[in-house]
C-alpha cells in the first residue's frame, strides 16, 4: 500500500535558509505536523556544509555553513543534487533504526541512478573497518550504506533524530559526464521515481507551511545572534 508523502521542490536558495528550512520541518514534525516529507533543493551559490559537531573554521575564502545533522564536510556546487527526508519514526514510512533507514533511503537512490544509466551499489566495509574515526570530508570517507560507483562514493547522507523525528540530509554527486547529457529535470524525475517505487510512497507536491517558514527565519536569527555574541 502506498504511503502519502509531501514533496517540496525548492529552487536555489541561500545556504543558511536551506539548512534552516530542513531543521524547521523536523521541529514541526515533532509538533505533530505534516506528512513524511521529501524536499529537493538547490544552492544560490557554491558553499560547504559541515556537520553540527565539527569545528567551524570560517577564516578561509569558502562559505561554510553548519548543518543541523552530523557527518563531515560536503561541497555543494553546480554538480550537486541535494535532498532531505523528514519523517516521524512511528509513521511507518521508513524502517526504524539508523542503518535500516540509511539502507532503505539509499536503495531508492540506487534505483534512481539506474534510471540515469549509472550502475551503483552500497559501500559495505569489512567488519574490522566499521568503527569510523572522526568526521572528515564526506565524499572521501565512505561509510556503511553510502552509494558507490566505480570505486568512488557518489551519494552520502547525515542524520539527526529529535523527539521521534528523523532528518536525513543527502547529497548525490553527479559528474560532468552525467550533466552533459541529462538535465536537472531528468535527474529530478529519476530520483523521485526511484524513491517512490522503493519506499512505496506517493509523492504529492506541496510547499513549506507558514509555520515552517517562520520557524526557519527564527532559526537563522538565533544563529546570527549566537555568532555576534
N, C-alpha and C. Protein backbone atom coordinates (compact mmCIF):
# COMPACT_ATOMS: atom_id res chain seq x y z
N UNK A 1 0.84 -1.20 0.00
CA UNK A 1 0.00 0.00 0.00
C UNK A 1 0.87 1.25 0.00
N UNK A 2 0.56 2.19 -0.90
CA UNK A 2 1.34 3.41 -0.99
C UNK A 2 1.09 4.32 0.21
N UNK A 3 2.17 4.93 0.69
CA UNK A 3 2.06 5.91 1.77
C UNK A 3 2.10 7.31 1.14
N UNK A 4 1.32 8.21 1.68
CA UNK A 4 1.28 9.58 1.16
C UNK A 4 2.41 10.40 1.76
N UNK A 5 3.20 11.02 0.90
CA UNK A 5 4.29 11.90 1.29
C UNK A 5 4.07 13.29 0.70
N UNK A 6 4.63 14.27 1.37
CA UNK A 6 4.67 15.62 0.80
C UNK A 6 5.98 15.80 0.05
N UNK A 7 5.90 16.32 -1.16
CA UNK A 7 7.08 16.60 -1.99
C UNK A 7 7.25 18.11 -2.11
N UNK A 8 8.42 18.60 -1.67
CA UNK A 8 8.73 20.02 -1.79
C UNK A 8 9.89 20.18 -2.77
N UNK A 9 9.66 20.91 -3.84
CA UNK A 9 10.70 21.19 -4.83
C UNK A 9 11.07 22.66 -4.71
N UNK A 10 12.22 22.91 -4.12
CA UNK A 10 12.67 24.28 -3.90
C UNK A 10 13.70 24.69 -4.94
N UNK A 11 13.64 25.93 -5.36
CA UNK A 11 14.66 26.47 -6.24
C UNK A 11 15.92 26.80 -5.47
N UNK A 12 16.85 27.48 -6.12
CA UNK A 12 18.11 27.85 -5.47
C UNK A 12 17.84 28.88 -4.37
N UNK A 13 18.37 28.59 -3.19
CA UNK A 13 18.18 29.48 -2.05
C UNK A 13 19.51 29.66 -1.32
N UNK A 14 19.53 30.67 -0.45
CA UNK A 14 20.70 30.91 0.39
C UNK A 14 21.01 29.67 1.22
N UNK A 15 22.28 29.27 1.33
CA UNK A 15 22.63 28.07 2.09
C UNK A 15 22.10 28.05 3.52
N UNK A 16 22.17 29.18 4.21
CA UNK A 16 21.67 29.24 5.59
C UNK A 16 20.17 28.95 5.63
N UNK A 17 19.44 29.47 4.66
CA UNK A 17 18.00 29.23 4.61
C UNK A 17 17.70 27.77 4.29
N UNK A 18 18.48 27.17 3.38
CA UNK A 18 18.29 25.75 3.09
C UNK A 18 18.40 24.90 4.35
N UNK A 19 19.43 25.15 5.14
CA UNK A 19 19.63 24.36 6.36
C UNK A 19 18.53 24.64 7.39
N UNK A 20 18.13 25.90 7.49
CA UNK A 20 17.11 26.27 8.46
C UNK A 20 15.75 25.67 8.11
N UNK A 21 15.43 25.60 6.83
CA UNK A 21 14.16 25.00 6.41
C UNK A 21 14.11 23.53 6.78
N UNK A 22 15.19 22.80 6.51
CA UNK A 22 15.21 21.38 6.88
C UNK A 22 14.98 21.20 8.38
N UNK A 23 15.68 22.00 9.18
CA UNK A 23 15.53 21.89 10.63
C UNK A 23 14.12 22.28 11.06
N UNK A 24 13.56 23.31 10.45
CA UNK A 24 12.22 23.76 10.80
C UNK A 24 11.18 22.68 10.50
N UNK A 25 11.32 21.99 9.37
CA UNK A 25 10.39 20.90 9.04
C UNK A 25 10.49 19.81 10.10
N UNK A 26 11.72 19.48 10.51
CA UNK A 26 11.92 18.47 11.55
C UNK A 26 11.22 18.88 12.85
N UNK A 27 11.38 20.13 13.26
CA UNK A 27 10.79 20.60 14.51
C UNK A 27 9.26 20.62 14.43
N UNK A 28 8.74 20.97 13.26
CA UNK A 28 7.28 20.97 13.09
C UNK A 28 6.72 19.54 13.07
N UNK A 29 7.48 18.62 12.51
CA UNK A 29 7.06 17.21 12.56
C UNK A 29 6.95 16.75 14.01
N UNK A 30 7.88 17.21 14.86
CA UNK A 30 7.86 16.84 16.28
C UNK A 30 6.61 17.39 16.98
N UNK A 31 6.05 18.45 16.43
CA UNK A 31 4.82 19.03 16.99
C UNK A 31 3.57 18.33 16.46
N UNK A 32 3.79 17.32 15.61
CA UNK A 32 2.66 16.62 15.01
C UNK A 32 2.22 17.25 13.71
N UNK A 33 3.20 17.74 12.93
CA UNK A 33 2.91 18.48 11.71
C UNK A 33 2.64 17.61 10.51
N UNK A 34 3.28 17.96 9.40
CA UNK A 34 2.96 17.42 8.08
C UNK A 34 3.29 15.94 7.94
N UNK A 35 2.87 15.38 6.80
CA UNK A 35 3.18 14.01 6.43
C UNK A 35 4.69 13.87 6.22
N UNK A 36 5.19 12.62 6.12
CA UNK A 36 6.61 12.45 5.75
C UNK A 36 6.92 13.30 4.53
N UNK A 37 8.09 13.93 4.55
CA UNK A 37 8.41 14.94 3.54
C UNK A 37 9.70 14.63 2.81
N UNK A 38 9.66 14.71 1.49
CA UNK A 38 10.86 14.70 0.66
C UNK A 38 11.04 16.10 0.12
N UNK A 39 12.16 16.72 0.45
CA UNK A 39 12.46 18.07 -0.05
C UNK A 39 13.70 18.00 -0.93
N UNK A 40 13.63 18.57 -2.12
CA UNK A 40 14.75 18.61 -3.05
C UNK A 40 15.05 20.08 -3.33
N UNK A 41 16.30 20.46 -3.20
CA UNK A 41 16.62 21.88 -3.31
C UNK A 41 17.99 22.12 -3.92
N UNK A 42 18.19 23.39 -4.30
CA UNK A 42 19.44 23.80 -4.93
C UNK A 42 20.08 24.92 -4.10
N UNK A 43 21.24 25.39 -4.55
CA UNK A 43 22.04 26.35 -3.79
C UNK A 43 22.20 27.64 -4.59
N UNK A 44 22.02 28.76 -3.90
CA UNK A 44 22.13 30.06 -4.57
C UNK A 44 23.56 30.33 -5.04
N UNK A 45 24.52 29.78 -4.33
CA UNK A 45 25.93 29.91 -4.71
C UNK A 45 26.70 28.74 -4.10
N UNK A 46 27.89 28.41 -4.64
CA UNK A 46 28.66 27.29 -4.10
C UNK A 46 29.03 27.51 -2.64
N UNK A 47 29.01 26.44 -1.87
CA UNK A 47 29.34 26.54 -0.45
C UNK A 47 29.78 25.18 0.06
N UNK A 48 30.16 25.16 1.32
CA UNK A 48 30.49 23.92 2.02
C UNK A 48 29.61 23.85 3.26
N UNK A 49 28.97 22.69 3.48
CA UNK A 49 28.28 22.49 4.75
C UNK A 49 29.09 21.51 5.58
N UNK A 50 29.00 21.70 6.89
CA UNK A 50 29.76 20.86 7.81
C UNK A 50 28.84 20.34 8.90
N UNK A 51 29.17 19.19 9.47
CA UNK A 51 28.34 18.58 10.49
C UNK A 51 28.23 19.44 11.74
N UNK A 52 27.13 19.28 12.45
CA UNK A 52 26.84 20.16 13.59
C UNK A 52 27.83 20.02 14.73
N UNK A 53 28.61 18.93 14.76
CA UNK A 53 29.59 18.73 15.83
C UNK A 53 31.01 19.05 15.39
N UNK A 54 31.19 19.44 14.12
CA UNK A 54 32.52 19.76 13.64
C UNK A 54 32.93 21.18 14.01
N UNK A 55 34.23 21.37 14.11
CA UNK A 55 34.76 22.72 14.31
C UNK A 55 34.51 23.53 13.06
N UNK A 56 33.96 24.71 13.23
CA UNK A 56 33.61 25.56 12.09
C UNK A 56 34.66 26.65 11.92
N UNK A 57 35.50 26.49 10.89
CA UNK A 57 36.55 27.47 10.61
C UNK A 57 36.12 28.30 9.40
N UNK A 58 35.65 29.51 9.67
CA UNK A 58 35.18 30.37 8.58
C UNK A 58 36.22 31.42 8.19
N UNK A 59 37.48 31.16 8.54
CA UNK A 59 38.52 32.14 8.25
C UNK A 59 38.98 32.11 6.79
N UNK A 60 38.70 30.99 6.10
CA UNK A 60 39.13 30.86 4.72
C UNK A 60 38.20 31.58 3.76
N UNK A 61 38.42 31.33 2.47
CA UNK A 61 37.65 32.02 1.43
C UNK A 61 36.30 31.35 1.17
N UNK A 62 36.15 30.09 1.58
CA UNK A 62 34.92 29.37 1.28
C UNK A 62 33.79 29.80 2.20
N UNK A 63 32.55 29.71 1.68
CA UNK A 63 31.38 29.91 2.52
C UNK A 63 31.09 28.58 3.21
N UNK A 64 31.18 28.56 4.53
CA UNK A 64 31.00 27.34 5.31
C UNK A 64 29.77 27.51 6.19
N UNK A 65 28.83 26.57 6.07
CA UNK A 65 27.56 26.63 6.79
C UNK A 65 27.43 25.35 7.62
N UNK A 66 26.93 25.49 8.85
CA UNK A 66 26.74 24.31 9.68
C UNK A 66 25.38 23.68 9.39
N UNK A 67 25.39 22.35 9.22
CA UNK A 67 24.15 21.60 9.05
C UNK A 67 23.53 21.28 10.41
N UNK A 68 22.23 21.01 10.44
CA UNK A 68 21.62 20.53 11.68
C UNK A 68 21.91 19.05 11.94
N UNK A 69 22.47 18.35 10.95
CA UNK A 69 22.82 16.93 11.09
C UNK A 69 24.32 16.78 11.34
N UNK A 70 24.77 15.54 11.52
CA UNK A 70 26.18 15.28 11.76
C UNK A 70 26.95 15.11 10.47
N UNK A 71 28.01 14.28 10.55
CA UNK A 71 28.80 14.00 9.35
C UNK A 71 29.92 14.98 9.12
N UNK A 72 30.56 14.85 7.95
CA UNK A 72 31.71 15.66 7.61
C UNK A 72 31.37 16.78 6.65
N UNK A 73 32.41 17.35 6.04
CA UNK A 73 32.22 18.46 5.11
C UNK A 73 31.68 17.96 3.76
N UNK A 74 30.77 18.73 3.21
CA UNK A 74 30.21 18.43 1.89
C UNK A 74 30.25 19.70 1.05
N UNK A 75 30.80 19.60 -0.15
CA UNK A 75 30.84 20.73 -1.07
C UNK A 75 29.60 20.71 -1.96
N UNK A 76 28.93 21.85 -2.06
CA UNK A 76 27.73 21.97 -2.88
C UNK A 76 28.01 22.96 -4.01
N UNK A 77 27.77 22.52 -5.23
CA UNK A 77 28.04 23.38 -6.39
C UNK A 77 27.10 22.99 -7.52
N UNK A 78 27.48 23.32 -8.75
CA UNK A 78 26.59 23.06 -9.89
C UNK A 78 26.42 21.57 -10.19
N UNK A 79 27.28 20.72 -9.61
CA UNK A 79 27.16 19.27 -9.81
C UNK A 79 26.40 18.59 -8.68
N UNK A 80 25.82 19.38 -7.79
CA UNK A 80 25.14 18.83 -6.62
C UNK A 80 23.68 18.52 -6.90
N UNK A 81 23.21 17.46 -6.29
CA UNK A 81 21.78 17.18 -6.22
C UNK A 81 21.49 16.89 -4.76
N UNK A 82 20.80 17.81 -4.10
CA UNK A 82 20.65 17.76 -2.65
C UNK A 82 19.19 17.52 -2.27
N UNK A 83 18.99 16.72 -1.26
CA UNK A 83 17.63 16.41 -0.83
C UNK A 83 17.60 16.19 0.68
N UNK A 84 16.41 16.23 1.24
CA UNK A 84 16.23 15.84 2.64
C UNK A 84 14.97 15.00 2.75
N UNK A 85 15.00 14.08 3.70
CA UNK A 85 13.85 13.24 4.03
C UNK A 85 13.56 13.46 5.50
N UNK A 86 12.33 13.85 5.81
CA UNK A 86 11.97 14.13 7.20
C UNK A 86 10.69 13.35 7.52
N UNK A 87 10.73 12.58 8.60
CA UNK A 87 9.58 11.74 8.93
C UNK A 87 9.60 11.36 10.41
N UNK A 88 8.43 11.06 10.93
CA UNK A 88 8.33 10.53 12.29
C UNK A 88 8.66 9.03 12.26
N UNK A 89 9.45 8.58 13.22
CA UNK A 89 9.83 7.16 13.25
C UNK A 89 8.63 6.25 13.41
N UNK A 90 7.57 6.73 14.08
CA UNK A 90 6.40 5.88 14.29
C UNK A 90 5.41 5.94 13.13
N UNK A 91 5.79 6.63 12.03
CA UNK A 91 4.87 6.76 10.89
C UNK A 91 4.84 5.53 10.01
N UNK A 92 5.87 4.68 10.12
CA UNK A 92 5.97 3.52 9.24
C UNK A 92 6.49 3.85 7.85
N UNK A 93 6.87 5.10 7.62
CA UNK A 93 7.34 5.50 6.29
C UNK A 93 8.68 4.86 5.95
N UNK A 94 9.55 4.73 6.94
CA UNK A 94 10.89 4.17 6.78
C UNK A 94 11.13 3.20 7.92
N UNK A 95 11.81 2.06 7.68
CA UNK A 95 12.09 1.14 8.79
C UNK A 95 12.87 1.82 9.92
N UNK A 96 12.59 1.41 11.14
CA UNK A 96 13.26 2.00 12.29
C UNK A 96 14.73 1.61 12.34
N UNK A 97 15.52 2.45 13.01
CA UNK A 97 16.94 2.15 13.21
C UNK A 97 17.82 2.91 12.25
N UNK A 98 19.00 3.28 12.72
CA UNK A 98 19.91 4.10 11.93
C UNK A 98 20.31 3.43 10.63
N UNK A 99 20.90 2.24 10.71
CA UNK A 99 21.37 1.57 9.49
C UNK A 99 20.22 1.17 8.59
N UNK A 100 19.10 0.73 9.18
CA UNK A 100 17.94 0.36 8.37
C UNK A 100 17.44 1.54 7.54
N UNK A 101 17.42 2.72 8.15
CA UNK A 101 16.92 3.90 7.43
C UNK A 101 17.88 4.30 6.32
N UNK A 102 19.19 4.27 6.59
CA UNK A 102 20.16 4.58 5.54
C UNK A 102 20.00 3.60 4.37
N UNK A 103 19.92 2.32 4.70
CA UNK A 103 19.83 1.31 3.64
C UNK A 103 18.57 1.50 2.81
N UNK A 104 17.44 1.79 3.48
CA UNK A 104 16.17 1.93 2.76
C UNK A 104 16.19 3.15 1.84
N UNK A 105 16.59 4.29 2.36
CA UNK A 105 16.60 5.51 1.55
C UNK A 105 17.61 5.40 0.42
N UNK A 106 18.80 4.89 0.71
CA UNK A 106 19.83 4.80 -0.32
C UNK A 106 19.53 3.71 -1.35
N UNK A 107 18.69 2.73 -1.00
CA UNK A 107 18.23 1.77 -2.01
C UNK A 107 17.40 2.50 -3.07
N UNK A 108 16.59 3.47 -2.62
CA UNK A 108 15.83 4.28 -3.57
C UNK A 108 16.73 5.14 -4.43
N UNK A 109 17.82 5.65 -3.84
CA UNK A 109 18.79 6.44 -4.60
C UNK A 109 19.45 5.57 -5.68
N UNK A 110 19.79 4.34 -5.32
CA UNK A 110 20.40 3.42 -6.29
C UNK A 110 19.44 3.13 -7.44
N UNK A 111 18.15 2.96 -7.11
CA UNK A 111 17.12 2.77 -8.16
C UNK A 111 17.11 3.95 -9.11
N UNK A 112 17.18 5.16 -8.55
CA UNK A 112 17.16 6.37 -9.38
C UNK A 112 18.38 6.43 -10.29
N UNK A 113 19.53 6.10 -9.74
CA UNK A 113 20.77 6.15 -10.53
C UNK A 113 20.72 5.16 -11.70
N UNK A 114 20.07 4.00 -11.49
CA UNK A 114 19.93 3.03 -12.58
C UNK A 114 19.15 3.63 -13.74
N UNK A 115 18.12 4.43 -13.41
CA UNK A 115 17.34 5.08 -14.47
C UNK A 115 18.19 6.05 -15.27
N UNK A 116 19.23 6.58 -14.64
CA UNK A 116 20.13 7.51 -15.31
C UNK A 116 21.29 6.80 -16.00
N UNK A 117 21.26 5.47 -15.99
CA UNK A 117 22.33 4.69 -16.62
C UNK A 117 23.57 4.57 -15.79
N UNK A 118 23.44 4.76 -14.46
CA UNK A 118 24.59 4.70 -13.56
C UNK A 118 24.47 3.44 -12.71
N UNK A 119 25.45 2.56 -12.82
CA UNK A 119 25.45 1.33 -12.04
C UNK A 119 26.11 1.60 -10.69
N UNK A 120 25.32 1.58 -9.64
CA UNK A 120 25.82 1.92 -8.30
C UNK A 120 25.43 0.82 -7.32
N UNK A 121 26.11 0.81 -6.19
CA UNK A 121 25.82 -0.17 -5.14
C UNK A 121 26.26 0.38 -3.80
N UNK A 122 25.95 -0.37 -2.75
CA UNK A 122 26.31 0.06 -1.40
C UNK A 122 27.79 -0.11 -1.11
N UNK A 123 28.29 0.76 -0.26
CA UNK A 123 29.61 0.55 0.34
C UNK A 123 29.40 -0.31 1.59
N UNK A 124 30.02 -1.49 1.60
CA UNK A 124 29.92 -2.40 2.73
C UNK A 124 31.33 -2.69 3.23
N UNK A 125 31.78 -2.01 4.27
CA UNK A 125 33.15 -2.19 4.75
C UNK A 125 33.36 -3.53 5.41
N UNK A 126 34.62 -3.92 5.48
CA UNK A 126 34.97 -5.12 6.24
C UNK A 126 34.60 -4.90 7.70
N UNK A 127 34.18 -5.95 8.42
CA UNK A 127 33.74 -5.78 9.82
C UNK A 127 34.74 -5.02 10.68
N UNK A 128 36.04 -5.27 10.50
CA UNK A 128 37.04 -4.62 11.36
C UNK A 128 37.22 -3.15 11.01
N UNK A 129 36.64 -2.70 9.89
CA UNK A 129 36.80 -1.31 9.47
C UNK A 129 35.55 -0.47 9.74
N UNK A 130 34.55 -1.05 10.40
CA UNK A 130 33.28 -0.36 10.57
C UNK A 130 33.32 0.71 11.65
N UNK A 131 34.28 0.68 12.51
CA UNK A 131 34.36 1.72 13.54
C UNK A 131 35.12 2.90 12.96
N UNK A 132 34.37 3.88 12.49
CA UNK A 132 34.97 5.04 11.82
C UNK A 132 35.58 6.00 12.81
N UNK A 133 36.53 6.79 12.35
CA UNK A 133 37.12 7.83 13.18
C UNK A 133 36.27 9.08 13.14
N UNK A 134 36.88 10.21 13.40
CA UNK A 134 36.15 11.48 13.42
C UNK A 134 35.72 11.89 12.04
N UNK A 135 34.76 12.82 11.95
CA UNK A 135 34.26 13.29 10.66
C UNK A 135 35.36 13.93 9.82
N UNK A 136 35.28 13.76 8.52
CA UNK A 136 36.25 14.37 7.62
C UNK A 136 35.48 14.85 6.40
N UNK A 137 36.18 15.07 5.29
CA UNK A 137 35.50 15.44 4.05
C UNK A 137 34.63 14.24 3.64
N UNK A 138 33.34 14.48 3.56
CA UNK A 138 32.37 13.39 3.48
C UNK A 138 32.61 12.44 2.30
N UNK A 139 32.83 12.98 1.11
CA UNK A 139 32.89 12.12 -0.07
C UNK A 139 34.22 11.41 -0.23
N UNK A 140 35.20 11.72 0.62
CA UNK A 140 36.46 10.97 0.60
C UNK A 140 36.47 9.86 1.63
N UNK A 141 35.41 9.75 2.44
CA UNK A 141 35.39 8.78 3.54
C UNK A 141 34.06 8.05 3.56
N UNK A 142 33.85 7.05 2.68
CA UNK A 142 32.58 6.34 2.67
C UNK A 142 32.37 5.53 3.95
N UNK A 143 31.11 5.44 4.35
CA UNK A 143 30.72 4.62 5.49
C UNK A 143 29.63 3.65 5.02
N UNK A 144 29.26 2.73 5.89
CA UNK A 144 28.32 1.68 5.52
C UNK A 144 27.02 2.24 4.94
N UNK A 145 26.63 1.66 3.79
CA UNK A 145 25.43 2.01 3.04
C UNK A 145 25.50 3.35 2.32
N UNK A 146 26.70 3.95 2.24
CA UNK A 146 26.87 5.01 1.26
C UNK A 146 26.77 4.39 -0.13
N UNK A 147 26.61 5.23 -1.16
CA UNK A 147 26.41 4.72 -2.52
C UNK A 147 27.69 4.94 -3.32
N UNK A 148 28.15 3.86 -3.96
CA UNK A 148 29.42 3.86 -4.68
C UNK A 148 29.21 3.56 -6.16
N UNK A 149 30.11 4.11 -6.97
CA UNK A 149 30.12 3.80 -8.40
C UNK A 149 31.57 3.84 -8.87
N UNK A 150 32.04 2.74 -9.45
CA UNK A 150 33.42 2.69 -9.93
C UNK A 150 34.44 2.93 -8.84
N UNK A 151 34.17 2.45 -7.63
CA UNK A 151 35.10 2.63 -6.52
C UNK A 151 35.08 4.00 -5.89
N UNK A 152 34.14 4.86 -6.30
CA UNK A 152 34.06 6.22 -5.79
C UNK A 152 32.70 6.47 -5.15
N UNK A 153 32.70 7.14 -4.02
CA UNK A 153 31.44 7.48 -3.36
C UNK A 153 30.74 8.59 -4.14
N UNK A 154 29.46 8.34 -4.49
CA UNK A 154 28.72 9.36 -5.23
C UNK A 154 27.46 9.82 -4.50
N UNK A 155 27.12 9.17 -3.39
CA UNK A 155 25.96 9.62 -2.61
C UNK A 155 26.15 9.25 -1.15
N UNK A 156 25.92 10.22 -0.30
CA UNK A 156 26.03 10.00 1.14
C UNK A 156 25.00 10.85 1.85
N UNK A 157 24.97 10.73 3.16
CA UNK A 157 23.97 11.46 3.93
C UNK A 157 24.39 11.57 5.38
N UNK A 158 23.69 12.41 6.11
CA UNK A 158 23.85 12.54 7.56
C UNK A 158 22.46 12.65 8.16
N UNK A 159 22.33 12.22 9.40
CA UNK A 159 21.02 12.22 10.03
C UNK A 159 21.05 12.89 11.40
N UNK A 160 19.85 13.24 11.84
CA UNK A 160 19.64 13.70 13.21
C UNK A 160 18.28 13.19 13.66
N UNK A 161 18.22 12.76 14.90
CA UNK A 161 16.96 12.31 15.50
C UNK A 161 16.61 13.20 16.67
N UNK A 162 15.36 13.67 16.66
CA UNK A 162 14.92 14.56 17.74
C UNK A 162 13.43 14.37 17.98
N UNK A 163 13.07 14.06 19.21
CA UNK A 163 11.66 13.92 19.61
C UNK A 163 10.90 12.97 18.70
N UNK A 164 11.55 11.86 18.32
CA UNK A 164 10.88 10.86 17.50
C UNK A 164 10.83 11.17 16.02
N UNK A 165 11.55 12.23 15.59
CA UNK A 165 11.57 12.63 14.18
C UNK A 165 12.97 12.45 13.62
N UNK A 166 13.08 11.96 12.38
CA UNK A 166 14.36 11.78 11.71
C UNK A 166 14.50 12.82 10.61
N UNK A 167 15.64 13.50 10.61
CA UNK A 167 16.03 14.37 9.50
C UNK A 167 17.21 13.72 8.81
N UNK A 168 17.03 13.35 7.56
CA UNK A 168 18.06 12.72 6.73
C UNK A 168 18.41 13.71 5.63
N UNK A 169 19.64 14.24 5.65
CA UNK A 169 20.09 15.18 4.61
C UNK A 169 21.06 14.46 3.69
N UNK A 170 20.72 14.39 2.42
CA UNK A 170 21.51 13.62 1.48
C UNK A 170 22.03 14.43 0.31
N UNK A 171 23.13 13.94 -0.24
CA UNK A 171 23.78 14.60 -1.39
C UNK A 171 24.17 13.55 -2.41
N UNK A 172 23.82 13.80 -3.68
CA UNK A 172 24.24 12.94 -4.78
C UNK A 172 25.16 13.76 -5.66
N UNK A 173 26.37 13.26 -5.87
CA UNK A 173 27.36 13.98 -6.67
C UNK A 173 27.46 13.34 -8.04
N UNK A 174 26.96 14.04 -9.04
CA UNK A 174 26.97 13.55 -10.41
C UNK A 174 28.00 14.33 -11.21
N UNK A 175 28.80 13.62 -11.96
CA UNK A 175 29.89 14.24 -12.70
C UNK A 175 29.43 14.98 -13.95
N UNK A 176 30.38 15.65 -14.55
CA UNK A 176 30.11 16.43 -15.77
C UNK A 176 29.57 15.54 -16.88
N UNK A 177 30.01 14.26 -16.92
CA UNK A 177 29.54 13.35 -17.96
C UNK A 177 28.04 13.11 -17.87
N UNK A 178 27.50 13.12 -16.65
CA UNK A 178 26.05 12.95 -16.47
C UNK A 178 25.32 14.24 -16.84
N UNK A 179 25.79 15.36 -16.29
CA UNK A 179 25.10 16.62 -16.53
C UNK A 179 25.19 17.07 -17.99
N UNK A 180 26.17 16.58 -18.73
CA UNK A 180 26.29 16.96 -20.14
C UNK A 180 25.22 16.29 -21.00
N UNK A 181 24.63 15.21 -20.49
CA UNK A 181 23.60 14.51 -21.28
C UNK A 181 22.25 14.46 -20.58
N UNK A 182 22.18 14.95 -19.35
CA UNK A 182 20.93 14.93 -18.60
C UNK A 182 20.64 16.30 -18.01
N UNK A 183 19.39 16.72 -18.09
CA UNK A 183 19.00 17.98 -17.47
C UNK A 183 18.71 17.76 -15.99
N UNK A 184 18.62 18.88 -15.26
CA UNK A 184 18.26 18.76 -13.84
C UNK A 184 16.89 18.12 -13.71
N UNK A 185 15.98 18.45 -14.60
CA UNK A 185 14.64 17.88 -14.55
C UNK A 185 14.66 16.37 -14.77
N UNK A 186 15.55 15.88 -15.67
CA UNK A 186 15.71 14.44 -15.87
C UNK A 186 16.11 13.76 -14.57
N UNK A 187 17.10 14.35 -13.89
CA UNK A 187 17.59 13.77 -12.64
C UNK A 187 16.50 13.82 -11.58
N UNK A 188 15.78 14.92 -11.53
CA UNK A 188 14.69 15.08 -10.56
C UNK A 188 13.63 14.00 -10.73
N UNK A 189 13.23 13.76 -11.97
CA UNK A 189 12.20 12.75 -12.24
C UNK A 189 12.71 11.36 -11.88
N UNK A 190 13.95 11.05 -12.27
CA UNK A 190 14.51 9.74 -11.95
C UNK A 190 14.60 9.53 -10.44
N UNK A 191 14.98 10.59 -9.73
CA UNK A 191 15.16 10.50 -8.29
C UNK A 191 13.82 10.25 -7.59
N UNK A 192 12.82 11.05 -7.92
CA UNK A 192 11.52 10.87 -7.26
C UNK A 192 10.88 9.53 -7.65
N UNK A 193 11.06 9.11 -8.91
CA UNK A 193 10.52 7.81 -9.33
C UNK A 193 11.19 6.67 -8.58
N UNK A 194 12.52 6.74 -8.46
CA UNK A 194 13.25 5.68 -7.77
C UNK A 194 12.85 5.57 -6.31
N UNK A 195 12.75 6.71 -5.63
CA UNK A 195 12.35 6.68 -4.22
C UNK A 195 10.89 6.26 -4.08
N UNK A 196 10.04 6.72 -4.98
CA UNK A 196 8.63 6.36 -4.90
C UNK A 196 8.44 4.85 -5.00
N UNK A 197 9.12 4.22 -5.97
CA UNK A 197 8.99 2.78 -6.14
C UNK A 197 9.51 2.03 -4.92
N UNK A 198 10.72 2.40 -4.48
CA UNK A 198 11.32 1.62 -3.41
C UNK A 198 10.64 1.84 -2.06
N UNK A 199 10.25 3.07 -1.77
CA UNK A 199 9.63 3.36 -0.47
C UNK A 199 8.13 3.12 -0.49
N UNK A 200 7.60 2.74 -1.68
CA UNK A 200 6.14 2.60 -1.84
C UNK A 200 5.45 3.88 -1.37
N UNK A 201 5.98 5.00 -1.86
CA UNK A 201 5.50 6.32 -1.46
C UNK A 201 4.80 6.99 -2.63
N UNK A 202 3.71 7.67 -2.36
CA UNK A 202 3.04 8.50 -3.34
C UNK A 202 3.34 9.95 -2.98
N UNK A 203 4.12 10.62 -3.82
CA UNK A 203 4.53 11.99 -3.54
C UNK A 203 3.48 12.97 -4.07
N UNK A 204 2.99 13.80 -3.15
CA UNK A 204 2.04 14.85 -3.51
C UNK A 204 2.76 16.18 -3.39
N UNK A 205 2.84 16.90 -4.50
CA UNK A 205 3.57 18.16 -4.49
C UNK A 205 2.92 19.16 -3.55
N UNK A 206 3.74 19.72 -2.66
CA UNK A 206 3.26 20.70 -1.70
C UNK A 206 4.25 21.82 -1.54
N UNK A 207 4.15 22.51 -0.44
CA UNK A 207 5.06 23.62 -0.17
C UNK A 207 5.31 23.73 1.32
N UNK A 208 6.28 24.54 1.66
CA UNK A 208 6.59 24.78 3.06
C UNK A 208 5.44 25.57 3.68
N UNK A 209 5.04 25.16 4.88
CA UNK A 209 3.93 25.85 5.54
C UNK A 209 4.40 27.20 6.09
N UNK A 210 3.43 28.05 6.40
CA UNK A 210 3.76 29.35 7.01
C UNK A 210 4.50 29.15 8.32
N UNK A 211 4.07 28.16 9.10
CA UNK A 211 4.73 27.87 10.38
C UNK A 211 6.18 27.44 10.16
N UNK A 212 6.42 26.60 9.19
CA UNK A 212 7.79 26.16 8.90
C UNK A 212 8.65 27.32 8.42
N UNK A 213 8.09 28.18 7.59
CA UNK A 213 8.85 29.33 7.09
C UNK A 213 9.21 30.28 8.22
N UNK A 214 8.25 30.57 9.10
CA UNK A 214 8.53 31.46 10.23
C UNK A 214 9.60 30.87 11.16
N UNK A 215 9.49 29.57 11.40
CA UNK A 215 10.45 28.92 12.28
C UNK A 215 11.85 28.92 11.66
N UNK A 216 11.95 28.71 10.35
CA UNK A 216 13.24 28.77 9.66
C UNK A 216 13.88 30.14 9.83
N UNK A 217 13.08 31.19 9.67
CA UNK A 217 13.59 32.55 9.83
C UNK A 217 14.06 32.80 11.27
N UNK A 218 13.33 32.25 12.24
CA UNK A 218 13.73 32.38 13.64
C UNK A 218 15.06 31.68 13.90
N UNK A 219 15.23 30.51 13.30
CA UNK A 219 16.48 29.75 13.48
C UNK A 219 17.67 30.53 12.91
N UNK A 220 17.50 31.16 11.77
CA UNK A 220 18.57 31.96 11.18
C UNK A 220 18.92 33.13 12.09
N UNK A 221 17.89 33.79 12.62
CA UNK A 221 18.12 34.92 13.53
C UNK A 221 18.88 34.47 14.78
N UNK A 222 18.51 33.32 15.32
CA UNK A 222 19.19 32.79 16.51
C UNK A 222 20.66 32.51 16.20
N UNK A 223 20.94 31.95 15.02
CA UNK A 223 22.33 31.66 14.65
C UNK A 223 23.14 32.93 14.51
N UNK A 224 22.55 33.97 13.91
CA UNK A 224 23.26 35.25 13.74
C UNK A 224 23.55 35.86 15.11
N UNK A 225 22.58 35.81 16.01
CA UNK A 225 22.77 36.37 17.34
C UNK A 225 23.86 35.62 18.11
N UNK A 226 23.91 34.28 17.93
CA UNK A 226 24.92 33.48 18.61
C UNK A 226 26.33 33.82 18.11
N UNK A 227 26.46 34.00 16.79
CA UNK A 227 27.76 34.34 16.21
C UNK A 227 28.22 35.71 16.68
N UNK A 228 27.29 36.64 16.87
CA UNK A 228 27.65 38.01 17.24
C UNK A 228 27.87 38.22 18.73
N UNK A 229 27.64 37.17 19.52
CA UNK A 229 27.85 37.32 20.97
C UNK A 229 29.32 37.45 21.31
